Amino acid sequence: MSNYYFPDEPWNPNRHLIFTTSLVVTAMTLALLTCDLGAVFELIGATSACALAYILPPLCYIKLSTRNWKTVPAAACVVFGFIVMFISIIQAGSQMIHS
């Protein structure tokens, strides 16, 4: 996160402490608010699996290649990935509500 948000600045231990603490507190809050850890795994799996399988690779291809007709299937794959992610999140959410 530091490299992304502050690429030109040197390493700052206070900023590292703030980022690390916020991530740990967010994860702890999520764990304390949910009774079923399986639901959390479903939501994380629905988002990360779709992003890693369908969204990020074609986005990298689009970014690294020149714009021509070969990028159209990659863009279609990105759209498909977002549709699958949305459906997976809806299904995981509906299972959490009905449980």
N, C-alpha and C. Protein backbone atom coordinates (compact mmCIF):
# COMPACT_ATOMS: atom_id res chain seq x y z
N MET A 1 0.82 -1.19 0.00
CA MET A 1 0.00 0.00 0.00
C MET A 1 0.87 1.25 0.00
N SER A 2 1.96 1.20 0.71
CA SER A 2 2.84 2.36 0.74
C SER A 2 3.45 2.62 -0.62
N ASN A 3 3.84 1.55 -1.31
CA ASN A 3 4.42 1.72 -2.64
C ASN A 3 3.40 2.25 -3.63
N TYR A 4 2.14 1.91 -3.45
CA TYR A 4 1.11 2.37 -4.38
C TYR A 4 0.71 3.81 -4.10
N TYR A 5 0.43 4.13 -2.85
CA TYR A 5 -0.07 5.46 -2.52
C TYR A 5 1.05 6.49 -2.36
N PHE A 6 2.23 6.06 -1.96
CA PHE A 6 3.35 6.97 -1.74
C PHE A 6 4.60 6.43 -2.45
N PRO A 7 4.60 6.41 -3.78
CA PRO A 7 5.72 5.76 -4.49
C PRO A 7 7.04 6.52 -4.40
N ASP A 8 6.99 7.82 -4.28
CA ASP A 8 8.22 8.61 -4.31
C ASP A 8 8.77 8.95 -2.94
N GLU A 9 8.06 8.55 -1.89
CA GLU A 9 8.50 8.89 -0.54
C GLU A 9 9.27 7.73 0.08
N PRO A 10 10.19 8.01 0.97
CA PRO A 10 10.94 6.92 1.63
C PRO A 10 10.05 6.17 2.62
N TRP A 11 10.54 5.03 3.05
CA TRP A 11 9.78 4.19 3.98
C TRP A 11 9.60 4.93 5.29
N ASN A 12 8.36 4.94 5.78
CA ASN A 12 8.03 5.63 7.01
C ASN A 12 7.43 4.62 7.99
N PRO A 13 8.07 4.38 9.13
CA PRO A 13 7.55 3.38 10.06
C PRO A 13 6.19 3.76 10.64
N ASN A 14 5.92 5.05 10.82
CA ASN A 14 4.62 5.46 11.36
C ASN A 14 3.49 5.16 10.37
N ARG A 15 3.73 5.42 9.09
CA ARG A 15 2.73 5.10 8.06
C ARG A 15 2.52 3.60 7.98
N HIS A 16 3.60 2.82 8.07
CA HIS A 16 3.49 1.36 8.08
C HIS A 16 2.66 0.89 9.27
N LEU A 17 2.88 1.47 10.42
CA LEU A 17 2.12 1.11 11.62
C LEU A 17 0.64 1.43 11.45
N ILE A 18 0.33 2.57 10.86
CA ILE A 18 -1.07 2.96 10.65
C ILE A 18 -1.74 2.00 9.66
N PHE A 19 -1.08 1.70 8.54
CA PHE A 19 -1.67 0.77 7.56
C PHE A 19 -1.86 -0.61 8.17
N THR A 20 -0.86 -1.12 8.84
CA THR A 20 -0.95 -2.46 9.42
C THR A 20 -2.03 -2.54 10.49
N THR A 21 -2.08 -1.54 11.35
CA THR A 21 -3.09 -1.52 12.41
C THR A 21 -4.49 -1.43 11.83
N SER A 22 -4.68 -0.62 10.81
CA SER A 22 -6.02 -0.50 10.23
C SER A 22 -6.45 -1.80 9.57
N LEU A 23 -5.53 -2.51 8.91
CA LEU A 23 -5.89 -3.79 8.32
C LEU A 23 -6.24 -4.83 9.38
N VAL A 24 -5.47 -4.89 10.44
CA VAL A 24 -5.73 -5.85 11.51
C VAL A 24 -7.05 -5.53 12.21
N VAL A 25 -7.29 -4.26 12.50
CA VAL A 25 -8.53 -3.86 13.18
C VAL A 25 -9.74 -4.14 12.29
N THR A 26 -9.63 -3.89 10.99
CA THR A 26 -10.73 -4.19 10.08
C THR A 26 -11.02 -5.68 10.04
N ALA A 27 -10.00 -6.50 9.96
CA ALA A 27 -10.21 -7.95 9.95
C ALA A 27 -10.78 -8.44 11.26
N MET A 28 -10.30 -7.88 12.37
CA MET A 28 -10.83 -8.29 13.68
C MET A 28 -12.29 -7.87 13.83
N THR A 29 -12.64 -6.68 13.39
CA THR A 29 -14.03 -6.23 13.47
C THR A 29 -14.94 -7.11 12.64
N LEU A 30 -14.51 -7.45 11.45
CA LEU A 30 -15.30 -8.34 10.61
C LEU A 30 -15.47 -9.70 11.26
N ALA A 31 -14.42 -10.22 11.88
CA ALA A 31 -14.51 -11.52 12.55
C ALA A 31 -15.42 -11.46 13.78
N LEU A 32 -15.41 -10.36 14.50
CA LEU A 32 -16.25 -10.25 15.69
C LEU A 32 -17.72 -10.02 15.35
N LEU A 33 -18.00 -9.42 14.22
CA LEU A 33 -19.38 -9.11 13.85
C LEU A 33 -20.10 -10.28 13.20
N THR A 34 -19.38 -11.27 12.71
CA THR A 34 -20.02 -12.39 12.04
C THR A 34 -19.98 -13.63 12.93
N CYS A 35 -21.05 -14.37 12.91
CA CYS A 35 -21.12 -15.61 13.67
C CYS A 35 -20.63 -16.80 12.84
N ASP A 36 -20.76 -16.67 11.52
CA ASP A 36 -20.42 -17.77 10.63
C ASP A 36 -19.21 -17.37 9.79
N LEU A 37 -18.08 -17.99 10.05
CA LEU A 37 -16.88 -17.66 9.31
C LEU A 37 -16.95 -18.15 7.87
N GLY A 38 -17.79 -19.14 7.62
CA GLY A 38 -17.96 -19.64 6.26
C GLY A 38 -18.52 -18.58 5.33
N ALA A 39 -19.39 -17.73 5.85
CA ALA A 39 -19.95 -16.65 5.04
C ALA A 39 -18.87 -15.66 4.63
N VAL A 40 -17.95 -15.38 5.54
CA VAL A 40 -16.85 -14.49 5.22
C VAL A 40 -15.96 -15.12 4.15
N PHE A 41 -15.69 -16.40 4.27
CA PHE A 41 -14.89 -17.10 3.26
C PHE A 41 -15.58 -17.08 1.91
N GLU A 42 -16.91 -17.22 1.89
CA GLU A 42 -17.65 -17.18 0.63
C GLU A 42 -17.53 -15.83 -0.03
N LEU A 43 -17.66 -14.77 0.73
CA LEU A 43 -17.56 -13.42 0.16
C LEU A 43 -16.15 -13.13 -0.34
N ILE A 44 -15.16 -13.52 0.44
CA ILE A 44 -13.78 -13.29 0.02
C ILE A 44 -13.45 -14.15 -1.21
N GLY A 45 -13.93 -15.37 -1.22
CA GLY A 45 -13.71 -16.22 -2.39
C GLY A 45 -14.42 -15.71 -3.62
N ALA A 46 -15.63 -15.19 -3.45
CA ALA A 46 -16.38 -14.68 -4.60
C ALA A 46 -15.68 -13.49 -5.22
N THR A 47 -15.09 -12.65 -4.41
CA THR A 47 -14.43 -11.47 -4.96
C THR A 47 -13.02 -11.77 -5.45
N SER A 48 -12.23 -12.46 -4.64
CA SER A 48 -10.83 -12.66 -5.02
C SER A 48 -10.68 -13.67 -6.15
N ALA A 49 -11.46 -14.73 -6.15
CA ALA A 49 -11.32 -15.73 -7.22
C ALA A 49 -11.70 -15.14 -8.58
N CYS A 50 -12.77 -14.39 -8.62
CA CYS A 50 -13.16 -13.77 -9.89
C CYS A 50 -12.13 -12.75 -10.34
N ALA A 51 -11.62 -11.99 -9.40
CA ALA A 51 -10.62 -10.98 -9.76
C ALA A 51 -9.35 -11.64 -10.27
N LEU A 52 -8.90 -12.70 -9.61
CA LEU A 52 -7.66 -13.36 -10.02
C LEU A 52 -7.81 -14.17 -11.30
N ALA A 53 -9.00 -14.72 -11.54
CA ALA A 53 -9.17 -15.59 -12.70
C ALA A 53 -9.66 -14.86 -13.94
N TYR A 54 -10.60 -13.94 -13.78
CA TYR A 54 -11.26 -13.36 -14.94
C TYR A 54 -10.97 -11.88 -15.17
N ILE A 55 -10.59 -11.14 -14.14
CA ILE A 55 -10.51 -9.68 -14.29
C ILE A 55 -9.07 -9.21 -14.44
N LEU A 56 -8.18 -9.57 -13.53
CA LEU A 56 -6.83 -9.02 -13.54
C LEU A 56 -5.98 -9.45 -14.76
N PRO A 57 -5.97 -10.72 -15.17
CA PRO A 57 -5.15 -11.06 -16.34
C PRO A 57 -5.54 -10.33 -17.62
N PRO A 58 -6.84 -10.25 -17.98
CA PRO A 58 -7.15 -9.49 -19.19
C PRO A 58 -6.90 -7.99 -19.04
N LEU A 59 -7.06 -7.47 -17.83
CA LEU A 59 -6.73 -6.05 -17.63
C LEU A 59 -5.25 -5.80 -17.85
N CYS A 60 -4.41 -6.71 -17.38
CA CYS A 60 -2.97 -6.57 -17.62
C CYS A 60 -2.67 -6.66 -19.11
N TYR A 61 -3.33 -7.57 -19.80
CA TYR A 61 -3.14 -7.69 -21.25
C TYR A 61 -3.56 -6.41 -21.96
N ILE A 62 -4.70 -5.85 -21.57
CA ILE A 62 -5.16 -4.61 -22.19
C ILE A 62 -4.17 -3.48 -21.91
N LYS A 63 -3.66 -3.42 -20.69
CA LYS A 63 -2.73 -2.37 -20.33
C LYS A 63 -1.41 -2.49 -21.09
N LEU A 64 -0.93 -3.71 -21.28
CA LEU A 64 0.38 -3.92 -21.89
C LEU A 64 0.36 -3.97 -23.41
N SER A 65 -0.79 -4.15 -24.02
CA SER A 65 -0.84 -4.27 -25.48
C SER A 65 -1.40 -2.99 -26.10
N THR A 66 -1.24 -2.92 -27.41
CA THR A 66 -1.81 -1.78 -28.13
C THR A 66 -3.29 -2.03 -28.36
N ARG A 67 -4.03 -0.96 -28.46
CA ARG A 67 -5.47 -1.08 -28.65
C ARG A 67 -5.77 -1.49 -30.10
N ASN A 68 -6.30 -2.70 -30.24
CA ASN A 68 -6.74 -3.18 -31.54
C ASN A 68 -7.85 -4.20 -31.32
N TRP A 69 -8.19 -4.95 -32.34
CA TRP A 69 -9.31 -5.88 -32.22
C TRP A 69 -9.01 -7.03 -31.26
N LYS A 70 -7.74 -7.28 -30.94
CA LYS A 70 -7.39 -8.37 -30.03
C LYS A 70 -7.72 -8.05 -28.58
N THR A 71 -7.92 -6.78 -28.26
CA THR A 71 -8.27 -6.43 -26.89
C THR A 71 -9.76 -6.54 -26.62
N VAL A 72 -10.56 -6.72 -27.66
CA VAL A 72 -12.02 -6.85 -27.47
C VAL A 72 -12.37 -8.11 -26.68
N PRO A 73 -11.81 -9.30 -26.99
CA PRO A 73 -12.11 -10.46 -26.15
C PRO A 73 -11.63 -10.29 -24.71
N ALA A 74 -10.52 -9.60 -24.52
CA ALA A 74 -10.04 -9.36 -23.16
C ALA A 74 -11.02 -8.47 -22.40
N ALA A 75 -11.55 -7.46 -23.06
CA ALA A 75 -12.54 -6.60 -22.41
C ALA A 75 -13.82 -7.38 -22.12
N ALA A 76 -14.20 -8.28 -23.03
CA ALA A 76 -15.38 -9.12 -22.78
C ALA A 76 -15.15 -10.04 -21.59
N CYS A 77 -13.93 -10.53 -21.42
CA CYS A 77 -13.61 -11.37 -20.27
C CYS A 77 -13.69 -10.58 -18.97
N VAL A 78 -13.27 -9.32 -19.00
CA VAL A 78 -13.37 -8.47 -17.81
C VAL A 78 -14.84 -8.26 -17.45
N VAL A 79 -15.67 -7.97 -18.44
CA VAL A 79 -17.10 -7.79 -18.18
C VAL A 79 -17.71 -9.07 -17.63
N PHE A 80 -17.35 -10.21 -18.23
CA PHE A 80 -17.83 -11.50 -17.74
C PHE A 80 -17.40 -11.74 -16.29
N GLY A 81 -16.17 -11.38 -15.97
CA GLY A 81 -15.67 -11.54 -14.60
C GLY A 81 -16.46 -10.72 -13.61
N PHE A 82 -16.79 -9.48 -13.96
CA PHE A 82 -17.59 -8.65 -13.06
C PHE A 82 -19.01 -9.21 -12.90
N ILE A 83 -19.56 -9.76 -13.98
CA ILE A 83 -20.90 -10.36 -13.88
C ILE A 83 -20.88 -11.58 -12.95
N VAL A 84 -19.86 -12.44 -13.12
CA VAL A 84 -19.73 -13.62 -12.26
C VAL A 84 -19.51 -13.20 -10.82
N MET A 85 -18.69 -12.17 -10.59
CA MET A 85 -18.45 -11.69 -9.23
C MET A 85 -19.74 -11.17 -8.61
N PHE A 86 -20.51 -10.41 -9.36
CA PHE A 86 -21.77 -9.87 -8.84
C PHE A 86 -22.74 -11.00 -8.49
N ILE A 87 -22.86 -11.99 -9.36
CA ILE A 87 -23.76 -13.12 -9.09
C ILE A 87 -23.28 -13.90 -7.87
N SER A 88 -21.98 -14.11 -7.74
CA SER A 88 -21.44 -14.85 -6.59
C SER A 88 -21.68 -14.10 -5.29
N ILE A 89 -21.52 -12.79 -5.30
CA ILE A 89 -21.76 -12.00 -4.09
C ILE A 89 -23.24 -12.04 -3.71
N ILE A 90 -24.12 -11.96 -4.70
CA ILE A 90 -25.56 -12.04 -4.43
C ILE A 90 -25.92 -13.39 -3.84
N GLN A 91 -25.37 -14.48 -4.39
CA GLN A 91 -25.67 -15.81 -3.87
C GLN A 91 -25.12 -15.99 -2.46
N ALA A 92 -23.91 -15.51 -2.19
CA ALA A 92 -23.35 -15.63 -0.85
C ALA A 92 -24.16 -14.79 0.14
N GLY A 93 -24.57 -13.61 -0.29
CA GLY A 93 -25.38 -12.76 0.59
C GLY A 93 -26.74 -13.35 0.88
N SER A 94 -27.35 -13.97 -0.12
CA SER A 94 -28.67 -14.57 0.11
C SER A 94 -28.56 -15.79 1.01
N GLN A 95 -27.46 -16.52 0.97
CA GLN A 95 -27.27 -17.65 1.88
C GLN A 95 -27.04 -17.16 3.30
N MET A 96 -26.37 -16.03 3.45
CA MET A 96 -26.17 -15.48 4.80
C MET A 96 -27.48 -15.01 5.40
N ILE A 97 -28.35 -14.44 4.57
CA ILE A 97 -29.63 -13.94 5.07
C ILE A 97 -30.54 -15.10 5.45
N HIS A 98 -30.55 -16.16 4.67
CA HIS A 98 -31.45 -17.29 4.93
C HIS A 98 -30.93 -18.22 6.00
N SER A 99 -29.68 -18.08 6.44
CA SER A 99 -29.16 -18.97 7.47
C SER A 99 -29.48 -18.48 8.84
